[in-house]
Amino acid sequence: MKFDFVRNIQFTKLLKVNGQLKEFNFRKANPHNDGIFSVDVSDDRGNRVMLQMQKDDGTWKIITPGLPKWVQEKEVIFNEVIEEELK
């Protein structure tokens, strides 16, 4: 009998947004390198902002439309954080 283990990746990073630290939660359930990361964070009112990122030409990019500007501006940082965690 052969067992295949699938590694879930889940981590949290504190990032500074507009002078405040915000907790960003990253999760990837798919073991493939080209899978999708789910990211969530709460806004100033406590509402959850959820987005997805997918690897495109070697860089993790946001694929969720209609996000607040303060989230979109962190795309490069998200890419760096994900790549650091995957090492």
C-alpha atoms as a PDB file:
ATOM      1  CA  MET A   1       0.000   0.000   0.000  1.00  0.00           C
ATOM      2  CA  LYS A   2       1.399   3.379  -1.028  1.00  0.00           C
ATOM      3  CA  PHE A   3       0.600   6.627   0.760  1.00  0.00           C
ATOM      4  CA  ASP A   4       0.914  10.048  -0.812  1.00  0.00           C
ATOM      5  CA  PHE A   5       1.094  12.956   1.581  1.00  0.00           C
ATOM      6  CA  VAL A   6      -0.098  16.346   0.419  1.00  0.00           C
ATOM      7  CA  ARG A   7       1.518  19.254   2.207  1.00  0.00           C
ATOM      8  CA  ASN A   8      -0.795  22.141   3.040  1.00  0.00           C
ATOM      9  CA  ILE A   9       0.960  25.461   3.414  1.00  0.00           C
ATOM     10  CA  GLN A  10      -0.497  27.953   5.850  1.00  0.00           C
ATOM     11  CA  PHE A  11       1.229  30.913   7.482  1.00  0.00           C
ATOM     12  CA  THR A  12       0.598  34.419   8.783  1.00  0.00           C
ATOM     13  CA  LYS A  13       2.672  37.560   8.219  1.00  0.00           C
ATOM     14  CA  LEU A  14       2.363  40.999   9.782  1.00  0.00           C
ATOM     15  CA  LEU A  15       2.797  43.723   7.170  1.00  0.00           C
ATOM     16  CA  LYS A  16       2.643  47.477   7.587  1.00  0.00           C
ATOM     17  CA  VAL A  17      -0.235  49.145   5.717  1.00  0.00           C
ATOM     18  CA  ASN A  18      -0.809  52.893   6.043  1.00  0.00           C
ATOM     19  CA  GLY A  19       1.252  53.018   9.229  1.00  0.00           C
ATOM     20  CA  GLN A  20      -0.564  50.083  10.865  1.00  0.00           C
ATOM     21  CA  LEU A  21       0.408  46.435  11.181  1.00  0.00           C
ATOM     22  CA  LYS A  22      -2.099  44.115   9.540  1.00  0.00           C
ATOM     23  CA  GLU A  23      -2.220  40.344   9.824  1.00  0.00           C
ATOM     24  CA  PHE A  24      -2.255  38.630   6.428  1.00  0.00           C
ATOM     25  CA  ASN A  25      -3.142  34.924   6.394  1.00  0.00           C
ATOM     26  CA  PHE A  26      -1.814  32.849   3.498  1.00  0.00           C
ATOM     27  CA  ARG A  27      -3.041  29.349   2.616  1.00  0.00           C
ATOM     28  CA  LYS A  28      -2.248  26.939  -0.196  1.00  0.00           C
ATOM     29  CA  ALA A  29      -3.921  23.543  -0.169  1.00  0.00           C
ATOM     30  CA  ASN A  30      -2.760  22.493  -3.633  1.00  0.00           C
ATOM     31  CA  PRO A  31       0.700  20.858  -3.643  1.00  0.00           C
ATOM     32  CA  HIS A  32       1.513  21.906  -7.224  1.00  0.00           C
ATOM     33  CA  ASN A  33       3.832  24.859  -7.827  1.00  0.00           C
ATOM     34  CA  ASP A  34       1.280  26.565 -10.064  1.00  0.00           C
ATOM     35  CA  GLY A  35      -1.504  26.287  -7.499  1.00  0.00           C
ATOM     36  CA  ILE A  36      -3.400  29.169  -5.987  1.00  0.00           C
ATOM     37  CA  PHE A  37      -2.707  30.923  -2.696  1.00  0.00           C
ATOM     38  CA  SER A  38      -5.667  32.274  -0.740  1.00  0.00           C
ATOM     39  CA  VAL A  39      -4.927  35.394   1.285  1.00  0.00           C
ATOM     40  CA  ASP A  40      -7.180  37.141   3.773  1.00  0.00           C
ATOM     41  CA  VAL A  41      -6.895  40.225   5.950  1.00  0.00           C
ATOM     42  CA  SER A  42      -9.338  42.379   7.869  1.00  0.00           C
ATOM     43  CA  ASP A  43      -9.948  45.997   6.888  1.00  0.00           C
ATOM     44  CA  ASP A  44     -10.299  48.936   9.309  1.00  0.00           C
ATOM     45  CA  ARG A  45     -13.932  48.034   9.988  1.00  0.00           C
ATOM     46  CA  GLY A  46     -13.178  44.395  10.762  1.00  0.00           C
ATOM     47  CA  ASN A  47     -14.521  43.040   7.457  1.00  0.00           C
ATOM     48  CA  ARG A  48     -12.494  40.259   5.840  1.00  0.00           C
ATOM     49  CA  VAL A  49     -10.858  41.043   2.519  1.00  0.00           C
ATOM     50  CA  MET A  50     -10.162  37.797   0.654  1.00  0.00           C
ATOM     51  CA  LEU A  51      -8.065  37.407  -2.466  1.00  0.00           C
ATOM     52  CA  GLN A  52      -6.330  34.771  -4.522  1.00  0.00           C
ATOM     53  CA  MET A  53      -2.870  34.766  -6.042  1.00  0.00           C
ATOM     54  CA  GLN A  54      -1.576  32.610  -8.873  1.00  0.00           C
ATOM     55  CA  LYS A  55       1.942  32.171 -10.230  1.00  0.00           C
ATOM     56  CA  ASP A  56       2.366  33.801 -13.638  1.00  0.00           C
ATOM     57  CA  ASP A  57       5.783  33.903 -15.363  1.00  0.00           C
ATOM     58  CA  GLY A  58       7.555  33.075 -12.105  1.00  0.00           C
ATOM     59  CA  THR A  59       5.790  35.763 -10.051  1.00  0.00           C
ATOM     60  CA  TRP A  60       2.787  35.446  -7.749  1.00  0.00           C
ATOM     61  CA  LYS A  61       0.080  37.833  -8.970  1.00  0.00           C
ATOM     62  CA  ILE A  62      -3.302  38.830  -7.559  1.00  0.00           C
ATOM     63  CA  ILE A  63      -6.103  37.360  -9.673  1.00  0.00           C
ATOM     64  CA  THR A  64      -9.052  38.699  -7.653  1.00  0.00           C
ATOM     65  CA  PRO A  65     -10.628  41.850  -9.146  1.00  0.00           C
ATOM     66  CA  GLY A  66     -12.107  44.781  -7.236  1.00  0.00           C
ATOM     67  CA  LEU A  67      -9.791  44.826  -4.223  1.00  0.00           C
ATOM     68  CA  PRO A  68      -9.041  47.931  -2.176  1.00  0.00           C
ATOM     69  CA  LYS A  69      -6.026  49.911  -3.371  1.00  0.00           C
ATOM     70  CA  TRP A  70      -4.093  49.263  -0.142  1.00  0.00           C
ATOM     71  CA  VAL A  71      -4.249  45.518  -0.861  1.00  0.00           C
ATOM     72  CA  GLN A  72      -3.304  45.833  -4.541  1.00  0.00           C
ATOM     73  CA  GLU A  73      -0.263  47.916  -3.622  1.00  0.00           C
ATOM     74  CA  LYS A  74       1.138  44.975  -1.596  1.00  0.00           C
ATOM     75  CA  GLU A  75       1.271  42.522  -4.527  1.00  0.00           C
ATOM     76  CA  VAL A  76       5.083  42.671  -4.779  1.00  0.00           C
ATOM     77  CA  ILE A  77       5.436  42.142  -1.023  1.00  0.00           C
ATOM     78  CA  PHE A  78       3.003  39.190  -1.159  1.00  0.00           C
ATOM     79  CA  ASN A  79       5.147  37.610  -3.895  1.00  0.00           C
ATOM     80  CA  GLU A  80       8.297  37.990  -1.761  1.00  0.00           C
ATOM     81  CA  VAL A  81       6.596  36.570   1.341  1.00  0.00           C
ATOM     82  CA  ILE A  82       5.254  33.536  -0.537  1.00  0.00           C
ATOM     83  CA  GLU A  83       8.574  32.798  -2.237  1.00  0.00           C
ATOM     84  CA  GLU A  84      10.397  33.062   1.099  1.00  0.00           C
ATOM     85  CA  GLU A  85       7.966  30.608   2.703  1.00  0.00           C
ATOM     86  CA  LEU A  86       8.248  28.110  -0.168  1.00  0.00           C
ATOM     87  CA  LYS A  87      12.069  27.862   0.116  1.00  0.00           C
END
